[in-house]
Every structure is written in C-alpha cells, then in structure tokens.
C-alpha cells in the first residue's frame, strides 16, 4: 500500500511525502507516525520562516537597531529540527545584539518551540532526567542533551514557584483574598504536612565525622479539598520550602480560590507539627481545628508501652475508648484519675501524654466532629505528599538541589491542579 501526501501552502505545492505501508499493524502505525512527522516539518519550516521575515527591527538606546544580515538556527519542534534564517540586529550605540524573531517561535532563550518545551516539562514530572533525552528522541525525533532539558525544566518550574510566592505576598501582608474560582462547597477542608526528600547538601556522618553524608530537607505540602453536590471529592494542592508564615499565605490564598470564605463549614486538620498549627492560628483561626485521629492514637499507644508494659493493649484500648466517646477532655480526666504508675518511666510516660493532650484538647473533640460528619484523619494530605513529592523526588538514589526539587514539584502541582494549559498560556520566559 503506497501512501502519498501532497502538501500545499497558499495554493502552491511545497512538498510531497511518500511511504510504502506494509507489514504488521504496529509497523504500519509507526510508518504513519513518521509520515506525520515529515509532513509537519514540511509545513512548519515555511511558516516559521515567514514569521522570521515579518519580524520588525527592534529599538535600543532610543534608536532602531542595525540589520547585520541573517544567521541560521535549528529550532527543535514536536516534528523535529526546523532550520530558520533570522535577522541579527546590533545597536550602534551600545553594541547590544538581538534576534527578535526568536521570541516569536522559541520558548525563552531555548531553541525549542513552546509545544515541545511543554511536552518535555510534562515528561519531567513523571520520568527520571536520565531517560528524558531518549524519550524525546523517540517521540519527536529531536536530539537534546541532558543539560538542555535540565535547564528548561529548572527555568519553567522556578518561574512557577516564584509566581506562587509573589501571588501569596499580598495575603501575608494584608490578608487580601483572591476571588473564588468556583462555587463554594458547604464544607471545605484545609490541611498541611511535610515530607522529607534527599538533597545534594552534605554533613558529617554522626558515626564517622571524617565521612560526609547527604542531608534530607522537608518540602511543605498544603491541600484544600471538598465534596461537590454529587459527593465527588476534589482537591487543590500547593507546595513550598519557605517559612510557615509565607507558606501559610500561599495555602490561605489557595483556600480562598476554592471558596473557603464562602463555605458554611471550614475545617483545618493536621498532625502534631507545631508549624502546621501556627498556620492555623495565623490564617485559619475561624476554622474548626482537628488533630489527626491516628496521630493522637499513636501517642496513646506509645504511652501504653511504658505505663502498662504487661497489658499495653488493654490500657491503650481503654484510653482510646475515652478519646472516641468524649474526646480529649474525657481522656484527660481518665488519665488524671487512673491509678498511679509504679515505675519512674511509667510515671514519666503518663505525664508526657497528659501534657500532650492538655495542649491540644480543643483540637480533639472527635464526638462532635463525627456528629457533623466531618473527617477526623489527615489521609488526604498524606496521600498528596506522596503523590506530589514522594513518587517523583524519592526514587532510588535520587538527590536534589533546592532549585531542582522546587521546580519539579511546582510543575507536578500545576499539572495535578488542572492548570497546566492555563499556566503555559501565561508563561513568559526571558529571551
């Protein structure tokens, strides 16, 4: 079977592509894909050249720059490499040189079209960087080195992280809330947590100070989630490495976009991390605070091993029954009225649990929460931490620079939040 494609532009034939299609179905499909690639290159080359020819001379130092002739460039696209000749301009006063046409078809200073750059960045959110050159070559017939891909992902992801922080600053300084982007749900949950990942930084090994080991850092993750009228769950997420105050502003801004200020019931849930509750106090003080049930239960079980080592299961179950039936207040009363412990370690464990419950008793009103039908666990943000950071940043042997970790996490969050196309439509990179 002979396939023949005649390409016409403005009524003129600019190319003919032919290919014999034979063999198994997979081979035929691959041949058709190559036809598509070749046809795309034939059409794209004159289109890019026309854009280059129609670009006007730029100005510099108040004067039109001098045309210094043409320079050829290979622009990488989703159809392969496209040759383009564009004009080079020079300022006669300061000597600055410019290729203004590049800004029309290149993504920033990278000699890549925006559609190809977008696909590379999306691949980088799920694939190890060592595999990306091969995947890009197989999918688009473009040969790019590891450093080119790394530089692109860093720049695009860093721009996303910087935009997030810039948009959060008004919320931190003046509590200026953005408008809601969707109808407000009846009940909305806000939660945050941290997840550790390995960095490129080193520190002396505690067992052998003469050796160095890689250090781990925490990525903060925030999550806003709710149910719609059909009881389907939705969530939006944010990320950050900045201070709790700055990260809280970004989380508050995200919550407002999701309808937090218009919702009838607002819930803030977290585990025992003090920075999480600092965010609650500063930005979400009006929301009902809920300490993660499983985190509280864990403290009870840890105390039970010391307070009643011979029958820790029975003691822990009795304590958790109090917590389930009457919340933190009931557990606190039960602990204070229970028989005195025998050993010093048992007494210390019991006092430690009492102090822990006493500082968080207002966050442990679980019977009332269940009565309202609210969730009392933080499984949503824990799964979000794994989805956003753990799966991509914590692979075998992976260690990250600060810039790289933030860039890749930013791109993953934009994708998961369903804002991938809108982000790229507004992205501006320096040429």
Protein backbone atom coordinates (compact mmCIF):
# COMPACT_ATOMS: atom_id res chain seq x y z
CA UNK A 1 0.00 0.00 0.00
CA UNK A 2 1.57 3.29 -1.13
CA UNK A 3 0.71 6.38 0.93
CA UNK A 4 1.28 9.74 -0.71
CA UNK A 5 0.69 13.16 0.85
CA UNK A 6 0.95 16.34 -1.22
CA UNK A 7 1.47 19.46 0.90
CA UNK A 8 0.15 22.78 -0.42
CA UNK A 9 0.54 26.19 1.18
CA UNK A 10 -1.31 29.16 -0.32
CA UNK A 11 -2.13 27.07 -3.37
CA UNK A 12 1.48 26.08 -4.07
CA UNK A 13 2.89 22.60 -3.67
CA UNK A 14 5.75 22.76 -1.15
CA UNK A 15 6.42 19.07 -0.71
CA UNK A 16 5.38 15.50 -1.36
CA UNK A 17 5.72 12.70 1.16
CA UNK A 18 5.51 9.05 0.09
CA UNK A 19 5.87 5.84 2.05
CA UNK A 20 5.12 2.20 1.41
CA UNK A 21 2.90 0.81 4.18
CA UNK A 22 3.39 -2.90 4.73
CA UNK A 23 3.99 -5.48 7.39
CA UNK A 24 2.31 -5.92 10.75
CA UNK A 25 -0.21 -3.45 12.15
CA UNK A 26 2.36 -1.99 14.57
CA UNK A 27 4.84 -1.38 11.75
CA UNK A 28 2.17 0.32 9.63
CA UNK A 29 1.18 2.56 12.52
CA UNK A 30 4.83 3.54 13.08
CA UNK A 31 5.23 4.34 9.37
CA UNK A 32 2.15 6.57 9.50
CA UNK A 33 3.62 8.38 12.51
CA UNK A 34 6.79 9.07 10.52
CA UNK A 35 4.66 10.39 7.65
CA UNK A 36 3.03 12.75 10.09
CA UNK A 37 6.43 13.92 11.35
CA UNK A 38 7.75 14.59 7.84
CA UNK A 39 4.56 16.34 6.76
CA UNK A 40 4.68 18.53 9.85
CA UNK A 41 8.28 19.58 9.14
CA UNK A 42 7.42 20.47 5.55
CA UNK A 43 4.56 22.71 6.71
CA UNK A 44 6.27 24.21 9.74
CA UNK A 45 9.53 25.28 8.07
CA UNK A 46 7.99 27.93 5.73
CA UNK A 47 5.61 29.03 8.48
CA UNK A 48 8.46 29.76 10.90
CA UNK A 49 10.49 31.38 8.14
CA UNK A 50 7.58 33.66 7.30
CA UNK A 51 7.32 34.70 10.95
CA UNK A 52 11.07 35.44 10.98
CA UNK A 53 10.83 37.51 7.78
CA UNK A 54 7.92 39.58 9.09
CA UNK A 55 9.54 40.48 12.42
CA UNK A 56 10.30 44.21 12.63
CA UNK A 57 13.61 45.74 13.61
CA UNK A 58 13.84 46.35 17.38
CA UNK A 59 14.94 49.54 19.11
CA UNK A 60 17.77 50.04 21.60
CA UNK A 61 19.08 53.22 23.25
CA UNK A 62 16.25 55.14 21.60
CA UNK A 63 17.21 54.15 18.05
CA UNK A 64 16.31 51.41 15.59
CA UNK A 65 18.95 48.69 15.63
CA UNK A 66 21.04 47.99 12.52
CA UNK A 67 20.32 44.93 10.37
CA UNK A 68 23.52 42.88 10.28
CA UNK A 69 22.35 40.13 7.97
CA UNK A 70 20.90 36.68 8.59
CA UNK A 71 22.00 33.86 10.83
CA UNK A 72 20.67 30.31 10.58
CA UNK A 73 19.32 28.46 13.59
CA UNK A 74 17.94 24.98 14.16
CA UNK A 75 14.65 25.21 16.10
CA UNK A 76 13.59 21.99 17.80
CA UNK A 77 9.86 21.29 17.43
CA UNK A 78 7.45 18.42 18.02
CA UNK A 79 8.09 17.47 14.35
CA UNK A 80 11.88 17.50 14.65
CA UNK A 81 14.51 20.17 13.98
CA UNK A 82 13.43 23.04 11.71
CA UNK A 83 16.03 25.30 10.03
CA UNK A 84 15.22 29.01 10.18
CA UNK A 85 17.16 32.04 8.97
CA UNK A 86 16.51 35.13 11.06
CA UNK A 87 17.96 38.62 11.06
CA UNK A 88 20.61 39.70 13.51
CA UNK A 89 20.40 43.29 14.76
CA UNK A 90 23.02 45.39 16.52
CA UNK A 91 22.77 48.66 18.44
CA UNK A 92 25.29 51.13 17.03
CA UNK A 93 25.48 52.95 20.36
CA UNK A 94 25.93 50.20 22.97
CA UNK A 95 26.81 47.23 20.78
CA UNK A 96 23.92 45.06 22.04
CA UNK A 97 22.90 42.32 19.62
CA UNK A 98 19.42 40.82 19.26
CA UNK A 99 17.48 38.23 17.28
CA UNK A 100 13.89 39.50 17.76
CA UNK A 101 12.33 36.73 15.67
CA UNK A 102 13.46 34.11 18.18
CA UNK A 103 10.90 35.36 20.68
CA UNK A 104 8.12 34.53 18.21
CA UNK A 105 8.79 30.80 17.93
CA UNK A 106 11.24 29.90 20.73
CA UNK A 107 10.42 29.25 24.38
CA UNK A 108 12.51 31.92 26.11
CA UNK A 109 16.21 31.61 25.23
CA UNK A 110 15.83 27.91 24.50
CA UNK A 111 15.86 26.94 20.82
CA UNK A 112 12.70 24.92 21.37
CA UNK A 113 9.16 25.67 20.30
CA UNK A 114 6.72 26.16 23.14
CA UNK A 115 4.69 23.00 22.33
CA UNK A 116 7.87 20.89 22.53
CA UNK A 117 9.01 22.61 25.73
CA UNK A 118 5.59 21.95 27.25
CA UNK A 119 5.78 18.25 26.44
CA UNK A 120 9.33 17.94 27.77
CA UNK A 121 8.36 19.56 31.07
CA UNK A 122 5.36 17.29 31.42
CA UNK A 123 7.57 14.26 30.83
CA UNK A 124 9.95 15.57 33.50
CA UNK A 125 7.17 15.48 36.09
CA UNK A 126 6.99 11.69 35.85
CA UNK A 127 10.29 10.44 34.38
CA UNK A 128 13.86 10.42 35.63
CA UNK A 129 16.06 13.00 33.86
CA UNK A 130 18.42 10.32 32.58
CA UNK A 131 15.58 8.85 30.49
CA UNK A 132 14.26 12.10 29.05
CA UNK A 133 16.69 12.54 26.10
CA UNK A 134 15.78 9.07 24.81
CA UNK A 135 12.05 9.62 25.28
CA UNK A 136 12.11 12.99 23.50
CA UNK A 137 14.09 11.49 20.62
CA UNK A 138 11.69 8.56 20.30
CA UNK A 139 8.55 10.69 20.42
CA UNK A 140 9.61 13.76 18.43
CA UNK A 141 12.80 12.87 16.56
CA UNK A 142 14.73 15.56 18.43
CA UNK A 143 18.15 15.00 19.97
CA UNK A 144 18.65 17.06 23.14
CA UNK A 145 21.35 16.71 25.75
CA UNK A 146 20.61 16.17 29.43
CA UNK A 147 21.79 19.70 30.34
CA UNK A 148 19.42 21.37 27.86
CA UNK A 149 16.42 19.53 29.29
CA UNK A 150 17.54 20.15 32.86
CA UNK A 151 17.95 23.89 32.21
CA UNK A 152 14.49 24.13 30.60
CA UNK A 153 12.72 22.32 33.44
CA UNK A 154 14.56 24.38 36.05
CA UNK A 155 13.60 27.67 34.40
CA UNK A 156 9.94 26.82 33.78
CA UNK A 157 9.43 25.26 37.23
CA UNK A 158 11.28 28.09 39.01
CA UNK A 159 9.04 30.61 37.25
CA UNK A 160 6.00 28.74 38.61
CA UNK A 161 7.38 28.71 42.16
CA UNK A 162 8.30 32.40 42.01
CA UNK A 163 4.82 33.25 40.72
CA UNK A 164 3.23 31.30 43.59
CA UNK A 165 5.29 33.16 46.17
CA UNK A 166 4.65 36.55 44.56
CA UNK A 167 0.90 35.95 44.49
CA UNK A 168 0.96 34.91 48.17
CA UNK A 169 2.71 38.07 49.42
CA UNK A 170 -0.44 40.27 49.49
CA UNK A 171 -2.20 37.57 51.52
CA UNK A 172 0.65 37.54 54.04
CA UNK A 173 0.89 41.30 54.39
CA UNK A 174 -2.70 42.50 54.16
CA UNK A 175 -4.84 39.34 54.08
CA UNK A 176 -6.06 40.31 50.60
CA UNK A 177 -8.11 37.37 49.37
CA UNK A 178 -8.42 36.47 45.68
CA UNK A 179 -11.93 35.81 44.33
CA UNK A 180 -13.25 32.27 44.45
CA UNK A 181 -12.78 30.41 41.16
CA UNK A 182 -15.69 28.01 41.69
CA UNK A 183 -18.98 27.77 43.63
CA UNK A 184 -18.32 27.43 47.35
CA UNK A 185 -18.91 23.97 48.83
CA UNK A 186 -20.84 23.53 52.06
CA UNK A 187 -17.84 22.07 53.88
CA UNK A 188 -14.23 22.72 52.96
CA UNK A 189 -11.11 21.17 54.47
CA UNK A 190 -7.67 22.76 54.68
CA UNK A 191 -4.67 20.72 55.76
CA UNK A 192 -0.88 20.73 55.53
CA UNK A 193 2.03 18.42 56.23
CA UNK A 194 5.68 17.93 55.36
CA UNK A 195 7.61 15.22 53.54
CA UNK A 196 11.37 14.69 53.58
CA UNK A 197 13.49 14.27 50.44
CA UNK A 198 17.22 13.78 49.89
CA UNK A 199 19.29 16.83 48.85
CA UNK A 200 22.72 17.41 47.31
CA UNK A 201 23.92 19.00 50.55
CA UNK A 202 26.26 17.08 52.81
CA UNK A 203 27.02 16.92 56.53
CA UNK A 204 29.48 14.93 58.69
CA UNK A 205 28.29 11.39 59.32
CA UNK A 206 27.34 11.02 63.03
CA UNK A 207 29.09 7.65 63.27
CA UNK A 208 32.20 8.75 61.40
CA UNK A 209 32.77 12.55 61.25
CA UNK A 210 35.53 12.05 58.70
CA UNK A 211 32.90 10.91 56.17
CA UNK A 212 30.15 13.02 54.65
CA UNK A 213 26.55 12.01 54.08
CA UNK A 214 23.70 13.59 52.12
CA UNK A 215 21.18 15.58 54.14
CA UNK A 216 17.40 15.50 53.96
CA UNK A 217 15.06 18.50 53.84
CA UNK A 218 11.35 18.95 54.24
CA UNK A 219 9.00 20.02 51.48
CA UNK A 220 5.84 21.60 52.85
CA UNK A 221 2.62 20.46 51.18
CA UNK A 222 -0.80 22.05 51.54
CA UNK A 223 -4.11 20.63 50.41
CA UNK A 224 -7.63 22.06 50.11
CA UNK A 225 -10.39 19.52 49.45
CA UNK A 226 -14.18 19.28 49.39
CA UNK A 227 -17.15 17.35 48.03
CA UNK A 228 -19.44 18.67 45.32
CA UNK A 229 -23.23 18.26 45.21
CA UNK A 230 -22.80 14.76 43.74
CA UNK A 231 -20.48 13.80 46.64
CA UNK A 232 -17.41 13.62 44.41
CA UNK A 233 -14.14 14.65 46.05
CA UNK A 234 -11.99 17.45 44.63
CA UNK A 235 -8.68 18.85 45.81
CA UNK A 236 -6.14 21.52 45.04
CA UNK A 237 -2.57 21.49 46.33
CA UNK A 238 0.35 23.80 46.95
CA UNK A 239 3.98 23.34 47.91
CA UNK A 240 6.91 25.28 49.35
CA UNK A 241 10.21 25.42 51.16
CA UNK A 242 9.74 28.86 52.68
CA UNK A 243 8.85 29.77 56.27
CA UNK A 244 5.50 28.65 57.76
CA UNK A 245 4.29 32.26 57.66
CA UNK A 246 4.99 32.56 53.93
CA UNK A 247 3.75 29.08 53.12
CA UNK A 248 0.58 29.70 55.15
CA UNK A 249 -0.16 32.75 53.00
CA UNK A 250 0.04 30.61 49.85
CA UNK A 251 -2.22 27.98 51.41
CA UNK A 252 -4.73 30.64 52.54
CA UNK A 253 -4.79 32.13 49.04
CA UNK A 254 -5.43 28.70 47.52
CA UNK A 255 -8.22 28.04 50.03
CA UNK A 256 -9.90 31.34 49.15
CA UNK A 257 -9.78 30.45 45.46
CA UNK A 258 -11.56 27.21 46.32
CA UNK A 259 -14.39 29.03 48.14
CA UNK A 260 -13.09 28.93 51.74
CA UNK A 261 -14.54 32.32 52.72
CA UNK A 262 -18.00 31.46 51.38
CA UNK A 263 -18.23 27.90 52.75
CA UNK A 264 -20.65 27.20 55.61
CA UNK A 265 -18.26 24.86 57.43
CA UNK A 266 -14.48 25.33 57.43
CA UNK A 267 -12.17 22.65 58.83
CA UNK A 268 -8.42 22.79 59.43
CA UNK A 269 -6.86 19.37 60.08
CA UNK A 270 -3.23 18.48 60.74
CA UNK A 271 -0.99 16.21 62.76
CA UNK A 272 1.07 17.36 65.72
CA UNK A 273 3.58 19.52 63.79
CA UNK A 274 3.78 22.88 65.56
CA UNK A 275 4.31 24.81 62.31
CA UNK A 276 1.00 23.46 60.97
CA UNK A 277 -0.88 24.84 63.96
CA UNK A 278 0.97 28.15 63.69
CA UNK A 279 -0.55 28.42 60.21
CA UNK A 280 -3.96 27.55 61.65
CA UNK A 281 -3.68 30.28 64.26
CA UNK A 282 -2.47 32.95 61.82
CA UNK A 283 -4.61 32.28 58.73
CA UNK A 284 -7.41 29.85 59.60
CA UNK A 285 -8.33 30.78 63.18
CA UNK A 286 -12.05 30.78 62.40
CA UNK A 287 -11.91 27.21 61.09
CA UNK A 288 -12.58 24.24 63.37
CA UNK A 289 -9.24 22.64 64.21
CA UNK A 290 -8.99 18.84 64.22
CA UNK A 291 -5.92 16.93 65.35
CA UNK A 292 -5.42 13.88 63.18
CA UNK A 293 -7.10 10.94 64.96
CA UNK A 294 -4.37 8.47 64.04
CA UNK A 295 -1.65 10.80 65.27
CA UNK A 296 -3.40 11.15 68.65
CA UNK A 297 -3.96 7.37 68.85
CA UNK A 298 -0.26 6.80 68.14
CA UNK A 299 0.68 8.85 71.20
CA UNK A 300 -1.70 6.77 73.31
CA UNK A 301 -0.14 3.51 72.11
CA UNK A 302 3.39 4.80 72.69
CA UNK A 303 2.47 5.74 76.28
CA UNK A 304 0.77 2.38 76.85
CA UNK A 305 4.04 0.51 76.25
CA UNK A 306 5.58 2.33 79.22
CA UNK A 307 2.58 2.81 81.52
CA UNK A 308 1.29 -0.78 81.29
CA UNK A 309 4.04 -2.91 79.73
CA UNK A 310 2.36 -6.19 80.82
CA UNK A 311 -1.04 -5.30 79.33
CA UNK A 312 -0.40 -2.39 76.98
CA UNK A 313 -3.15 -3.40 74.54
CA UNK A 314 -5.91 -3.29 77.16
CA UNK A 315 -4.66 0.03 78.56
CA UNK A 316 -4.42 1.62 75.11
CA UNK A 317 -7.87 0.38 74.10
CA UNK A 318 -9.40 1.77 77.30
CA UNK A 319 -7.73 5.15 76.70
CA UNK A 320 -8.83 5.26 73.06
CA UNK A 321 -12.41 4.38 74.09
CA UNK A 322 -12.35 7.52 76.25
CA UNK A 323 -10.98 9.53 73.34
CA UNK A 324 -13.61 8.17 70.96
CA UNK A 325 -16.54 8.70 73.34
CA UNK A 326 -15.61 12.02 74.95
CA UNK A 327 -12.68 13.48 73.02
CA UNK A 328 -9.53 14.89 74.53
CA UNK A 329 -11.30 16.23 77.63
CA UNK A 330 -12.59 12.78 78.60
CA UNK A 331 -9.19 11.17 78.02
CA UNK A 332 -7.51 13.84 80.12
CA UNK A 333 -9.89 13.22 83.02
CA UNK A 334 -9.40 9.46 82.74
CA UNK A 335 -5.62 9.80 82.76
CA UNK A 336 -5.58 12.06 85.81
CA UNK A 337 -7.91 9.78 87.79
CA UNK A 338 -6.25 6.48 86.84
CA UNK A 339 -4.07 4.69 89.46
CA UNK A 340 -0.57 6.00 89.91
CA UNK A 341 2.11 4.29 87.85
CA UNK A 342 4.66 2.10 89.59
CA UNK A 343 7.94 2.93 87.86
CA UNK A 344 9.60 6.23 87.05
CA UNK A 345 9.42 5.52 83.31
CA UNK A 346 5.68 4.75 83.58
CA UNK A 347 5.00 7.94 85.51
CA UNK A 348 7.05 9.96 83.02
CA UNK A 349 5.19 8.47 80.04
CA UNK A 350 1.83 9.16 81.64
CA UNK A 351 2.77 12.78 82.43
CA UNK A 352 4.06 13.27 78.92
CA UNK A 353 0.76 12.05 77.46
CA UNK A 354 -1.23 14.25 79.87
CA UNK A 355 0.80 17.31 78.84
CA UNK A 356 0.39 16.43 75.18
CA UNK A 357 -3.41 16.07 75.47
CA UNK A 358 -3.76 19.20 77.63
CA UNK A 359 -2.15 21.43 74.98
CA UNK A 360 -4.38 20.04 72.21
CA UNK A 361 -7.64 19.26 73.99
CA UNK A 362 -9.54 21.85 71.92
CA UNK A 363 -8.47 20.05 68.74
CA UNK A 364 -9.69 16.63 69.89
CA UNK A 365 -13.47 17.00 70.07
CA UNK A 366 -13.95 13.87 67.95
CA UNK A 367 -17.55 13.04 69.00
CA UNK A 368 -18.75 16.45 67.85
CA UNK A 369 -16.78 16.13 64.60
CA UNK A 370 -18.31 12.75 63.84
CA UNK A 371 -21.73 14.17 64.66
CA UNK A 372 -21.23 16.74 61.89
CA UNK A 373 -19.98 14.09 59.51
CA UNK A 374 -16.50 15.65 59.31
CA UNK A 375 -13.35 13.71 58.58
CA UNK A 376 -11.01 13.34 61.58
CA UNK A 377 -7.98 11.96 59.75
CA UNK A 378 -5.40 13.63 57.52
CA UNK A 379 -5.09 10.85 54.98
CA UNK A 380 -5.83 13.28 52.15
CA UNK A 381 -2.74 15.42 52.72
CA UNK A 382 -0.57 12.38 53.47
CA UNK A 383 -1.51 10.85 50.13
CA UNK A 384 -0.97 14.25 48.48
CA UNK A 385 2.57 14.37 49.91
CA UNK A 386 3.33 11.03 48.30
CA UNK A 387 1.59 11.96 45.05
CA UNK A 388 3.25 15.37 44.73
CA UNK A 389 6.72 14.75 46.18
CA UNK A 390 7.33 11.16 47.23
CA UNK A 391 6.73 9.44 43.89
CA UNK A 392 8.99 11.81 41.91
CA UNK A 393 11.61 13.06 44.38
CA UNK A 394 12.22 9.95 46.47
CA UNK A 395 13.17 7.39 43.84
CA UNK A 396 16.17 5.07 44.40
CA UNK A 397 19.42 7.04 44.50
CA UNK A 398 17.76 10.41 43.88
CA UNK A 399 19.12 13.56 45.48
CA UNK A 400 18.13 17.09 44.56
CA UNK A 401 19.30 20.68 44.54
CA UNK A 402 16.94 23.17 46.15
CA UNK A 403 16.13 24.66 42.75
CA UNK A 404 15.52 21.31 41.09
CA UNK A 405 13.27 19.95 43.84
CA UNK A 406 11.11 23.09 43.84
CA UNK A 407 10.95 23.26 40.04
CA UNK A 408 9.78 19.67 39.53
CA UNK A 409 7.35 19.85 42.47
CA UNK A 410 5.89 23.08 41.07
CA UNK A 411 5.30 21.52 37.66
CA UNK A 412 3.67 18.44 39.20
CA UNK A 413 1.35 20.59 41.32
CA UNK A 414 0.29 22.69 38.34
CA UNK A 415 -0.48 19.52 36.40
CA UNK A 416 -2.41 17.87 39.26
CA UNK A 417 -4.36 21.09 39.88
CA UNK A 418 -5.62 21.02 36.30
CA UNK A 419 -3.90 24.31 35.40
CA UNK A 420 -1.23 23.05 33.04
CA UNK A 421 -2.50 24.71 29.86
CA UNK A 422 -3.50 27.97 31.55
CA UNK A 423 -0.04 28.23 33.12
CA UNK A 424 1.72 27.78 29.79
CA UNK A 425 -0.62 30.25 28.10
CA UNK A 426 0.56 32.96 30.51
CA UNK A 427 4.20 31.90 30.90
CA UNK A 428 6.79 34.49 29.87
CA UNK A 429 10.46 33.50 29.89
CA UNK A 430 13.35 35.87 29.25
CA UNK A 431 14.83 35.57 25.76
